[in-house]
Amino acid sequence: MAQRRSFDRNYLNREFDKINATTKQPFTLYLIGGGAMAFYGLKTATKDIDIILTSRDDLKNLQTTLKDMGYKEPNPAVITRAYNKMQTNSLLENHDGFRWDLFLKTVCNTLMLSAEMKKRATTLYQGNRLKVLLASKEDLFLFKGITEREADLYDMQILAQSGLNWETISQECKSQSEISGVCWEDALYQNLINLKAKYSIESPIEKSLRKVAERKIIETALTNQIKKGNHTVKSIAQEIKEPQNFIREELKRLADKELIGIDRSNKPHKFFLKEKTN
């Protein structure tokens, strides 16, 4: 397969101008990925551009506009497995081989464009119909920090070396986890370990992420055991191969958080899941 060419930010700006001149409806898009890094001066060029849109109308409008400019859906035969895993809402390519990866609110079916992310984004391009907002470096790092792609680890290194507000990354990761119910702290922690091993980059949030991830993992393990019908300290400890004292303390912590209840009418005490209330 022939090597795809790369495109610098001057090329991207010209495409923004074309969209601004072609679109019939005003709209805003958020720029992430390699294209965003190019505008931060952290990359000289990119093969494609990753875009988040906040409404289905804006997505349809951008699709129509790009097609009016000559963009088409690429031949399925040239789409790699990595592209398929990204789960874009739309993928369009022009005759130069430049691609637009379009996402609606959520990227790769994982992180969503949150209100805080929107606040941190800065205006990159302002036309009379098109507005392009550039995601913060911290949010670019987080988007890349929960993937399993080797190229994203390399980009994380570049972003980290450029200087980041690590607390912002940690807080956004926590917020995204609470919204989705997914332990993104674990995914980010694993990539920070990989980042340290490959590029010798130390992160000040590594230890705190590990602590949160470990606690969430054991929390999930305990609630799953209760769902399966293991309601006592002994039965849960036997199933997950952990000491009873540890299990007892963790169950007490979950009870204090009112995630589970305790039936003390008989011994051994039995633990049960509490029904969620709105």
C-alpha atoms as a PDB file:
ATOM      1  CA  MET A   1       0.000   0.000   0.000  1.00  0.00           C
ATOM      2  CA  ALA A   2       1.366   3.440  -0.969  1.00  0.00           C
ATOM      3  CA  GLN A   3       2.374   5.794   1.820  1.00  0.00           C
ATOM      4  CA  ARG A   4      -0.256   8.490   2.354  1.00  0.00           C
ATOM      5  CA  ARG A   5       1.014  12.063   2.187  1.00  0.00           C
ATOM      6  CA  SER A   6       0.800  14.487   5.079  1.00  0.00           C
ATOM      7  CA  PHE A   7      -0.691  17.985   5.140  1.00  0.00           C
ATOM      8  CA  ASP A   8       0.502  21.054   7.037  1.00  0.00           C
ATOM      9  CA  ARG A   9      -1.599  23.650   8.831  1.00  0.00           C
ATOM     10  CA  ASN A  10      -1.568  25.947   5.794  1.00  0.00           C
ATOM     11  CA  TYR A  11      -3.400  23.216   3.887  1.00  0.00           C
ATOM     12  CA  LEU A  12      -5.865  22.853   6.768  1.00  0.00           C
ATOM     13  CA  ASN A  13      -6.499  26.596   6.841  1.00  0.00           C
ATOM     14  CA  ARG A  14      -7.243  26.580   3.124  1.00  0.00           C
ATOM     15  CA  GLU A  15      -9.773  23.782   3.670  1.00  0.00           C
ATOM     16  CA  PHE A  16     -11.390  25.839   6.430  1.00  0.00           C
ATOM     17  CA  ASP A  17     -11.666  28.757   3.992  1.00  0.00           C
ATOM     18  CA  LYS A  18     -13.305  26.500   1.406  1.00  0.00           C
ATOM     19  CA  ILE A  19     -15.814  25.183   3.944  1.00  0.00           C
ATOM     20  CA  ASN A  20     -16.615  28.714   5.106  1.00  0.00           C
ATOM     21  CA  ALA A  21     -17.280  29.737   1.499  1.00  0.00           C
ATOM     22  CA  THR A  22     -19.248  26.596   0.595  1.00  0.00           C
ATOM     23  CA  THR A  23     -21.478  25.868   3.598  1.00  0.00           C
ATOM     24  CA  LYS A  24     -25.033  27.118   3.517  1.00  0.00           C
ATOM     25  CA  GLN A  25     -25.487  27.001   7.290  1.00  0.00           C
ATOM     26  CA  PRO A  26     -23.257  28.457  10.035  1.00  0.00           C
ATOM     27  CA  PHE A  27     -21.763  25.933  12.444  1.00  0.00           C
ATOM     28  CA  THR A  28     -18.944  25.270  14.899  1.00  0.00           C
ATOM     29  CA  LEU A  29     -16.534  22.374  15.066  1.00  0.00           C
ATOM     30  CA  TYR A  30     -13.915  21.267  17.604  1.00  0.00           C
ATOM     31  CA  LEU A  31     -10.481  20.219  16.408  1.00  0.00           C
ATOM     32  CA  ILE A  32      -8.611  17.392  18.173  1.00  0.00           C
ATOM     33  CA  GLY A  33      -5.916  14.874  17.229  1.00  0.00           C
ATOM     34  CA  GLY A  34      -2.876  15.404  15.023  1.00  0.00           C
ATOM     35  CA  GLY A  35      -4.443  18.374  13.271  1.00  0.00           C
ATOM     36  CA  ALA A  36      -4.770  20.184  16.584  1.00  0.00           C
ATOM     37  CA  MET A  37      -1.168  19.354  17.458  1.00  0.00           C
ATOM     38  CA  ALA A  38      -0.067  20.909  14.166  1.00  0.00           C
ATOM     39  CA  PHE A  39      -1.681  24.214  15.160  1.00  0.00           C
ATOM     40  CA  TYR A  40       0.116  24.055  18.514  1.00  0.00           C
ATOM     41  CA  GLY A  41       3.361  23.716  16.575  1.00  0.00           C
ATOM     42  CA  LEU A  42       3.920  20.213  17.969  1.00  0.00           C
ATOM     43  CA  LYS A  43       3.651  18.501  14.587  1.00  0.00           C
ATOM     44  CA  THR A  44       4.641  19.721  11.156  1.00  0.00           C
ATOM     45  CA  ALA A  45       1.838  17.895   9.365  1.00  0.00           C
ATOM     46  CA  THR A  46      -0.985  15.378   9.677  1.00  0.00           C
ATOM     47  CA  LYS A  47      -2.575  12.792   7.363  1.00  0.00           C
ATOM     48  CA  ASP A  48      -6.113  13.536   8.530  1.00  0.00           C
ATOM     49  CA  ILE A  49      -8.159  15.765  10.774  1.00  0.00           C
ATOM     50  CA  ASP A  50     -10.294  14.688  13.741  1.00  0.00           C
ATOM     51  CA  ILE A  51     -13.397  16.790  14.350  1.00  0.00           C
ATOM     52  CA  ILE A  52     -16.081  16.744  17.045  1.00  0.00           C
ATOM     53  CA  LEU A  53     -19.486  18.227  16.284  1.00  0.00           C
ATOM     54  CA  THR A  54     -22.103  18.942  18.913  1.00  0.00           C
ATOM     55  CA  SER A  55     -25.320  18.309  16.962  1.00  0.00           C
ATOM     56  CA  ARG A  56     -26.527  15.921  14.282  1.00  0.00           C
ATOM     57  CA  ASP A  57     -27.585  18.892  12.149  1.00  0.00           C
ATOM     58  CA  ASP A  58     -24.003  20.216  12.212  1.00  0.00           C
ATOM     59  CA  LEU A  59     -22.705  16.755  11.317  1.00  0.00           C
ATOM     60  CA  LYS A  60     -25.028  16.512   8.325  1.00  0.00           C
ATOM     61  CA  ASN A  61     -24.174  20.058   7.280  1.00  0.00           C
ATOM     62  CA  LEU A  62     -20.415  19.370   7.342  1.00  0.00           C
ATOM     63  CA  GLN A  63     -20.889  16.090   5.460  1.00  0.00           C
ATOM     64  CA  THR A  64     -22.903  17.874   2.761  1.00  0.00           C
ATOM     65  CA  THR A  65     -20.395  20.729   2.543  1.00  0.00           C
ATOM     66  CA  LEU A  66     -17.390  18.427   2.210  1.00  0.00           C
ATOM     67  CA  LYS A  67     -19.145  16.389  -0.488  1.00  0.00           C
ATOM     68  CA  ASP A  68     -19.948  19.625  -2.340  1.00  0.00           C
ATOM     69  CA  MET A  69     -16.178  20.301  -2.204  1.00  0.00           C
ATOM     70  CA  GLY A  70     -15.443  16.939  -3.830  1.00  0.00           C
ATOM     71  CA  TYR A  71     -14.877  14.783  -0.755  1.00  0.00           C
ATOM     72  CA  LYS A  72     -16.031  11.168  -0.929  1.00  0.00           C
ATOM     73  CA  GLU A  73     -16.184   8.138   1.344  1.00  0.00           C
ATOM     74  CA  PRO A  74     -12.920   6.179   0.920  1.00  0.00           C
ATOM     75  CA  ASN A  75     -12.851   2.731  -0.616  1.00  0.00           C
ATOM     76  CA  PRO A  76     -13.565   0.290   2.254  1.00  0.00           C
ATOM     77  CA  ALA A  77     -10.575  -1.773   1.084  1.00  0.00           C
ATOM     78  CA  VAL A  78      -8.127   0.955   2.153  1.00  0.00           C
ATOM     79  CA  ILE A  79      -9.630   1.546   5.601  1.00  0.00           C
ATOM     80  CA  THR A  80      -7.383  -0.024   8.219  1.00  0.00           C
ATOM     81  CA  ARG A  81      -8.464  -1.890  11.331  1.00  0.00           C
ATOM     82  CA  ALA A  82      -7.342   1.083  13.431  1.00  0.00           C
ATOM     83  CA  TYR A  83      -9.760   3.326  11.547  1.00  0.00           C
ATOM     84  CA  ASN A  84     -12.596   0.861  12.025  1.00  0.00           C
ATOM     85  CA  LYS A  85     -11.936   0.748  15.781  1.00  0.00           C
ATOM     86  CA  MET A  86     -12.208   4.538  15.970  1.00  0.00           C
ATOM     87  CA  GLN A  87     -15.927   4.259  15.167  1.00  0.00           C
ATOM     88  CA  THR A  88     -16.238   7.588  13.416  1.00  0.00           C
ATOM     89  CA  ASN A  89     -19.682   8.920  12.550  1.00  0.00           C
ATOM     90  CA  SER A  90     -18.365   9.779   9.098  1.00  0.00           C
ATOM     91  CA  LEU A  91     -15.105   9.465   7.161  1.00  0.00           C
ATOM     92  CA  LEU A  92     -14.532  11.549   4.035  1.00  0.00           C
ATOM     93  CA  GLU A  93     -11.489  11.970   1.780  1.00  0.00           C
ATOM     94  CA  ASN A  94     -10.589  14.344  -1.067  1.00  0.00           C
ATOM     95  CA  HIS A  95      -8.572  13.761  -4.247  1.00  0.00           C
ATOM     96  CA  ASP A  96      -5.360  14.719  -2.410  1.00  0.00           C
ATOM     97  CA  GLY A  97      -5.902  11.873   0.057  1.00  0.00           C
ATOM     98  CA  PHE A  98      -6.723  14.203   2.962  1.00  0.00           C
ATOM     99  CA  ARG A  99      -9.287  12.726   5.353  1.00  0.00           C
ATOM    100  CA  TRP A 100     -11.818  14.150   7.771  1.00  0.00           C
ATOM    101  CA  ASP A 101     -12.801  11.917  10.699  1.00  0.00           C
ATOM    102  CA  LEU A 102     -16.091  13.236  12.043  1.00  0.00           C
ATOM    103  CA  PHE A 103     -17.367  12.436  15.532  1.00  0.00           C
ATOM    104  CA  LEU A 104     -20.687  13.419  17.053  1.00  0.00           C
ATOM    105  CA  LYS A 105     -20.223  14.476  20.712  1.00  0.00           C
ATOM    106  CA  THR A 106     -18.217  11.339  21.597  1.00  0.00           C
ATOM    107  CA  VAL A 107     -14.800  10.258  20.271  1.00  0.00           C
ATOM    108  CA  CYS A 108     -14.144   6.603  19.440  1.00  0.00           C
ATOM    109  CA  ASN A 109     -17.254   5.702  21.446  1.00  0.00           C
ATOM    110  CA  THR A 110     -15.330   6.595  24.614  1.00  0.00           C
ATOM    111  CA  LEU A 111     -14.816  10.171  25.840  1.00  0.00           C
ATOM    112  CA  MET A 112     -17.452  12.821  25.281  1.00  0.00           C
ATOM    113  CA  LEU A 113     -16.921  16.496  24.551  1.00  0.00           C
ATOM    114  CA  SER A 114     -17.721  17.830  28.011  1.00  0.00           C
ATOM    115  CA  ALA A 115     -18.769  21.319  29.074  1.00  0.00           C
ATOM    116  CA  GLU A 116     -15.329  21.852  30.648  1.00  0.00           C
ATOM    117  CA  MET A 117     -13.599  20.786  27.448  1.00  0.00           C
ATOM    118  CA  LYS A 118     -15.656  23.342  25.548  1.00  0.00           C
ATOM    119  CA  LYS A 119     -14.634  26.066  28.022  1.00  0.00           C
ATOM    120  CA  ARG A 120     -10.941  25.212  27.615  1.00  0.00           C
ATOM    121  CA  ALA A 121     -11.088  25.255  23.812  1.00  0.00           C
ATOM    122  CA  THR A 122      -9.771  28.373  22.056  1.00  0.00           C
ATOM    123  CA  THR A 123     -10.871  29.966  18.782  1.00  0.00           C
ATOM    124  CA  LEU A 124      -8.613  28.900  15.922  1.00  0.00           C
ATOM    125  CA  TYR A 125     -10.614  30.051  12.904  1.00  0.00           C
ATOM    126  CA  GLN A 126     -13.522  32.468  12.665  1.00  0.00           C
ATOM    127  CA  GLY A 127     -15.269  32.938   9.347  1.00  0.00           C
ATOM    128  CA  ASN A 128     -18.683  34.352   8.625  1.00  0.00           C
ATOM    129  CA  ARG A 129     -20.191  30.818   8.671  1.00  0.00           C
ATOM    130  CA  LEU A 130     -17.533  28.512  10.092  1.00  0.00           C
ATOM    131  CA  LYS A 131     -15.964  28.634  13.547  1.00  0.00           C
ATOM    132  CA  VAL A 132     -13.174  26.218  14.496  1.00  0.00           C
ATOM    133  CA  LEU A 133     -12.283  25.723  18.161  1.00  0.00           C
ATOM    134  CA  LEU A 134      -8.983  24.142  19.186  1.00  0.00           C
ATOM    135  CA  ALA A 135      -9.117  21.645  22.066  1.00  0.00           C
ATOM    136  CA  SER A 136      -6.687  22.276  24.930  1.00  0.00           C
ATOM    137  CA  LYS A 137      -3.440  20.312  25.062  1.00  0.00           C
ATOM    138  CA  GLU A 138      -4.656  18.689  28.271  1.00  0.00           C
ATOM    139  CA  ASP A 139      -7.757  17.362  26.552  1.00  0.00           C
ATOM    140  CA  LEU A 140      -5.727  16.191  23.549  1.00  0.00           C
ATOM    141  CA  PHE A 141      -3.535  14.259  25.972  1.00  0.00           C
ATOM    142  CA  LEU A 142      -6.557  12.661  27.637  1.00  0.00           C
ATOM    143  CA  PHE A 143      -8.148  11.674  24.315  1.00  0.00           C
ATOM    144  CA  LYS A 144      -4.891   9.948  23.357  1.00  0.00           C
ATOM    145  CA  GLY A 145      -4.276   8.630  26.858  1.00  0.00           C
ATOM    146  CA  ILE A 146      -7.119   6.111  26.851  1.00  0.00           C
ATOM    147  CA  THR A 147      -6.322   4.434  23.531  1.00  0.00           C
ATOM    148  CA  GLU A 148      -4.110   1.449  22.746  1.00  0.00           C
ATOM    149  CA  ARG A 149      -2.440   2.859  19.635  1.00  0.00           C
ATOM    150  CA  GLU A 150       1.356   3.143  19.570  1.00  0.00           C
ATOM    151  CA  ALA A 151       1.174   6.395  17.590  1.00  0.00           C
ATOM    152  CA  ASP A 152      -0.928   7.969  20.347  1.00  0.00           C
ATOM    153  CA  LEU A 153       1.733   7.102  22.926  1.00  0.00           C
ATOM    154  CA  TYR A 154       4.271   8.976  20.809  1.00  0.00           C
ATOM    155  CA  ASP A 155       1.927  11.981  20.647  1.00  0.00           C
ATOM    156  CA  MET A 156       1.439  11.823  24.429  1.00  0.00           C
ATOM    157  CA  GLN A 157       5.203  12.152  24.784  1.00  0.00           C
ATOM    158  CA  ILE A 158       5.241  15.276  22.602  1.00  0.00           C
ATOM    159  CA  LEU A 159       2.333  16.823  24.490  1.00  0.00           C
ATOM    160  CA  ALA A 160       3.862  16.029  27.894  1.00  0.00           C
ATOM    161  CA  GLN A 161       7.187  17.588  26.911  1.00  0.00           C
ATOM    162  CA  SER A 162       5.401  20.752  25.783  1.00  0.00           C
ATOM    163  CA  GLY A 163       4.083  21.358  29.319  1.00  0.00           C
ATOM    164  CA  LEU A 164       0.691  20.329  30.690  1.00  0.00           C
ATOM    165  CA  ASN A 165      -1.617  21.072  33.600  1.00  0.00           C
ATOM    166  CA  TRP A 166      -1.745  17.545  35.016  1.00  0.00           C
ATOM    167  CA  GLU A 167      -4.455  18.351  37.528  1.00  0.00           C
ATOM    168  CA  THR A 168      -6.784  19.381  34.682  1.00  0.00           C
ATOM    169  CA  ILE A 169      -6.180  16.022  33.012  1.00  0.00           C
ATOM    170  CA  SER A 170      -6.856  14.161  36.253  1.00  0.00           C
ATOM    171  CA  GLN A 171     -10.074  16.074  36.973  1.00  0.00           C
ATOM    172  CA  GLU A 172     -11.417  15.618  33.440  1.00  0.00           C
ATOM    173  CA  CYS A 173     -10.622  11.899  33.566  1.00  0.00           C
ATOM    174  CA  LYS A 174     -12.524  11.635  36.861  1.00  0.00           C
ATOM    175  CA  SER A 175     -15.476  13.558  35.431  1.00  0.00           C
ATOM    176  CA  GLN A 176     -15.603  11.395  32.300  1.00  0.00           C
ATOM    177  CA  SER A 177     -15.515   8.253  34.445  1.00  0.00           C
ATOM    178  CA  GLU A 178     -18.419   9.465  36.570  1.00  0.00           C
ATOM    179  CA  ILE A 179     -20.477  10.301  33.478  1.00  0.00           C
ATOM    180  CA  SER A 180     -19.815   7.036  31.635  1.00  0.00           C
ATOM    181  CA  GLY A 181     -19.449   4.577  34.506  1.00  0.00           C
ATOM    182  CA  VAL A 182     -16.189   3.401  32.909  1.00  0.00           C
ATOM    183  CA  CYS A 183     -12.954   3.411  34.921  1.00  0.00           C
ATOM    184  CA  TRP A 184     -10.954   5.661  32.580  1.00  0.00           C
ATOM    185  CA  GLU A 185      -8.452   6.201  35.405  1.00  0.00           C
ATOM    186  CA  ASP A 186      -7.197   2.662  34.809  1.00  0.00           C
ATOM    187  CA  ALA A 187      -6.786   3.155  31.044  1.00  0.00           C
ATOM    188  CA  LEU A 188      -4.942   6.442  31.527  1.00  0.00           C
ATOM    189  CA  TYR A 189      -2.786   4.990  34.312  1.00  0.00           C
ATOM    190  CA  GLN A 190      -1.709   2.083  32.105  1.00  0.00           C
ATOM    191  CA  ASN A 191      -0.680   4.475  29.336  1.00  0.00           C
ATOM    192  CA  LEU A 192       1.227   6.669  31.789  1.00  0.00           C
ATOM    193  CA  ILE A 193       3.163   3.556  32.821  1.00  0.00           C
ATOM    194  CA  ASN A 194       3.888   2.859  29.140  1.00  0.00           C
ATOM    195  CA  LEU A 195       4.898   6.482  28.656  1.00  0.00           C
ATOM    196  CA  LYS A 196       7.395   6.232  31.506  1.00  0.00           C
ATOM    197  CA  ALA A 197       8.778   2.919  30.285  1.00  0.00           C
ATOM    198  CA  LYS A 198       9.275   4.018  26.683  1.00  0.00           C
ATOM    199  CA  TYR A 199      10.061   7.742  26.967  1.00  0.00           C
ATOM    200  CA  SER A 200      11.138   8.159  30.629  1.00  0.00           C
ATOM    201  CA  ILE A 201       8.396  10.717  31.259  1.00  0.00           C
ATOM    202  CA  GLU A 202       7.196  10.881  34.859  1.00  0.00           C
ATOM    203  CA  SER A 203       3.640  12.015  35.562  1.00  0.00           C
ATOM    204  CA  PRO A 204       2.668  13.572  38.904  1.00  0.00           C
ATOM    205  CA  ILE A 205      -0.824  12.042  38.682  1.00  0.00           C
ATOM    206  CA  GLU A 206       0.290   8.447  38.134  1.00  0.00           C
ATOM    207  CA  LYS A 207       0.048   7.339  41.775  1.00  0.00           C
ATOM    208  CA  SER A 208      -3.302   8.987  42.434  1.00  0.00           C
ATOM    209  CA  LEU A 209      -4.767   7.456  39.265  1.00  0.00           C
ATOM    210  CA  ARG A 210      -3.527   4.023  40.308  1.00  0.00           C
ATOM    211  CA  LYS A 211      -5.135   4.413  43.729  1.00  0.00           C
ATOM    212  CA  VAL A 212      -8.488   5.428  42.252  1.00  0.00           C
ATOM    213  CA  ALA A 213      -8.347   2.704  39.585  1.00  0.00           C
ATOM    214  CA  GLU A 214      -7.543  -0.033  42.104  1.00  0.00           C
ATOM    215  CA  ARG A 215     -10.385   1.073  44.360  1.00  0.00           C
ATOM    216  CA  LYS A 216     -12.881   1.152  41.488  1.00  0.00           C
ATOM    217  CA  ILE A 217     -11.753  -2.265  40.265  1.00  0.00           C
ATOM    218  CA  ILE A 218     -12.248  -3.885  43.664  1.00  0.00           C
ATOM    219  CA  GLU A 219     -15.563  -2.038  44.029  1.00  0.00           C
ATOM    220  CA  THR A 220     -16.761  -3.533  40.740  1.00  0.00           C
ATOM    221  CA  ALA A 221     -15.491  -6.974  41.702  1.00  0.00           C
ATOM    222  CA  LEU A 222     -17.382  -6.905  45.013  1.00  0.00           C
ATOM    223  CA  THR A 223     -20.670  -5.701  43.559  1.00  0.00           C
ATOM    224  CA  ASN A 224     -20.410  -8.313  40.794  1.00  0.00           C
ATOM    225  CA  GLN A 225     -19.958 -11.035  43.404  1.00  0.00           C
ATOM    226  CA  ILE A 226     -23.056  -9.858  45.252  1.00  0.00           C
ATOM    227  CA  LYS A 227     -24.974  -9.898  41.978  1.00  0.00           C
ATOM    228  CA  LYS A 228     -23.850 -13.496  41.451  1.00  0.00           C
ATOM    229  CA  GLY A 229     -25.307 -14.497  44.810  1.00  0.00           C
ATOM    230  CA  ASN A 230     -22.248 -14.361  47.050  1.00  0.00           C
ATOM    231  CA  HIS A 231     -23.529 -12.333  49.987  1.00  0.00           C
ATOM    232  CA  THR A 232     -21.051 -13.050  52.806  1.00  0.00           C
ATOM    233  CA  VAL A 233     -17.475 -11.976  53.471  1.00  0.00           C
ATOM    234  CA  LYS A 234     -16.297 -15.587  53.369  1.00  0.00           C
ATOM    235  CA  SER A 235     -17.948 -16.515  50.073  1.00  0.00           C
ATOM    236  CA  ILE A 236     -16.731 -13.344  48.327  1.00  0.00           C
ATOM    237  CA  ALA A 237     -13.199 -13.781  49.671  1.00  0.00           C
ATOM    238  CA  GLN A 238     -13.105 -17.362  48.385  1.00  0.00           C
ATOM    239  CA  GLU A 239     -14.275 -16.316  44.927  1.00  0.00           C
ATOM    240  CA  ILE A 240     -11.869 -13.432  44.335  1.00  0.00           C
ATOM    241  CA  LYS A 241      -8.951 -14.918  46.319  1.00  0.00           C
ATOM    242  CA  GLU A 242      -8.466 -12.013  48.741  1.00  0.00           C
ATOM    243  CA  PRO A 243      -8.122 -12.044  52.563  1.00  0.00           C
ATOM    244  CA  GLN A 244     -11.374 -11.834  54.499  1.00  0.00           C
ATOM    245  CA  ASN A 245     -10.192  -8.813  56.508  1.00  0.00           C
ATOM    246  CA  PHE A 246      -9.580  -6.914  53.284  1.00  0.00           C
ATOM    247  CA  ILE A 247     -12.983  -7.885  51.890  1.00  0.00           C
ATOM    248  CA  ARG A 248     -14.695  -6.916  55.148  1.00  0.00           C
ATOM    249  CA  GLU A 249     -13.117  -3.451  55.128  1.00  0.00           C
ATOM    250  CA  GLU A 250     -13.957  -2.849  51.466  1.00  0.00           C
ATOM    251  CA  LEU A 251     -17.558  -3.943  51.948  1.00  0.00           C
ATOM    252  CA  LYS A 252     -17.847  -1.622  54.945  1.00  0.00           C
ATOM    253  CA  ARG A 253     -16.538   1.229  52.769  1.00  0.00           C
ATOM    254  CA  LEU A 254     -19.173   0.473  50.108  1.00  0.00           C
ATOM    255  CA  ALA A 255     -21.853   0.366  52.801  1.00  0.00           C
ATOM    256  CA  ASP A 256     -20.689   3.737  54.139  1.00  0.00           C
ATOM    257  CA  LYS A 257     -21.090   5.106  50.604  1.00  0.00           C
ATOM    258  CA  GLU A 258     -24.582   3.560  50.579  1.00  0.00           C
ATOM    259  CA  LEU A 259     -23.772   1.511  47.495  1.00  0.00           C
ATOM    260  CA  ILE A 260     -24.641  -1.699  49.320  1.00  0.00           C
ATOM    261  CA  GLY A 261     -26.700  -2.630  52.385  1.00  0.00           C
ATOM    262  CA  ILE A 262     -26.029  -5.018  55.257  1.00  0.00           C
ATOM    263  CA  ASP A 263     -28.516  -7.517  56.671  1.00  0.00           C
ATOM    264  CA  ARG A 264     -27.474  -7.949  60.309  1.00  0.00           C
ATOM    265  CA  SER A 265     -30.478 -10.053  61.351  1.00  0.00           C
ATOM    266  CA  ASN A 266     -28.368 -13.218  61.368  1.00  0.00           C
ATOM    267  CA  LYS A 267     -24.730 -14.201  61.350  1.00  0.00           C
ATOM    268  CA  PRO A 268     -22.809 -14.168  59.149  1.00  0.00           C
ATOM    269  CA  HIS A 269     -24.039 -10.775  58.027  1.00  0.00           C
ATOM    270  CA  LYS A 270     -25.227 -10.664  54.439  1.00  0.00           C
ATOM    271  CA  PHE A 271     -24.579  -7.882  51.952  1.00  0.00           C
ATOM    272  CA  PHE A 272     -26.982  -6.794  49.248  1.00  0.00           C
ATOM    273  CA  LEU A 273     -27.082  -4.201  46.468  1.00  0.00           C
ATOM    274  CA  LYS A 274     -29.143  -1.125  47.104  1.00  0.00           C
ATOM    275  CA  GLU A 275     -31.622   0.011  44.498  1.00  0.00           C
ATOM    276  CA  LYS A 276     -30.576   3.228  42.815  1.00  0.00           C
ATOM    277  CA  THR A 277     -32.852   6.195  43.345  1.00  0.00           C
ATOM    278  CA  ASN A 278     -33.160   9.122  40.928  1.00  0.00           C
END
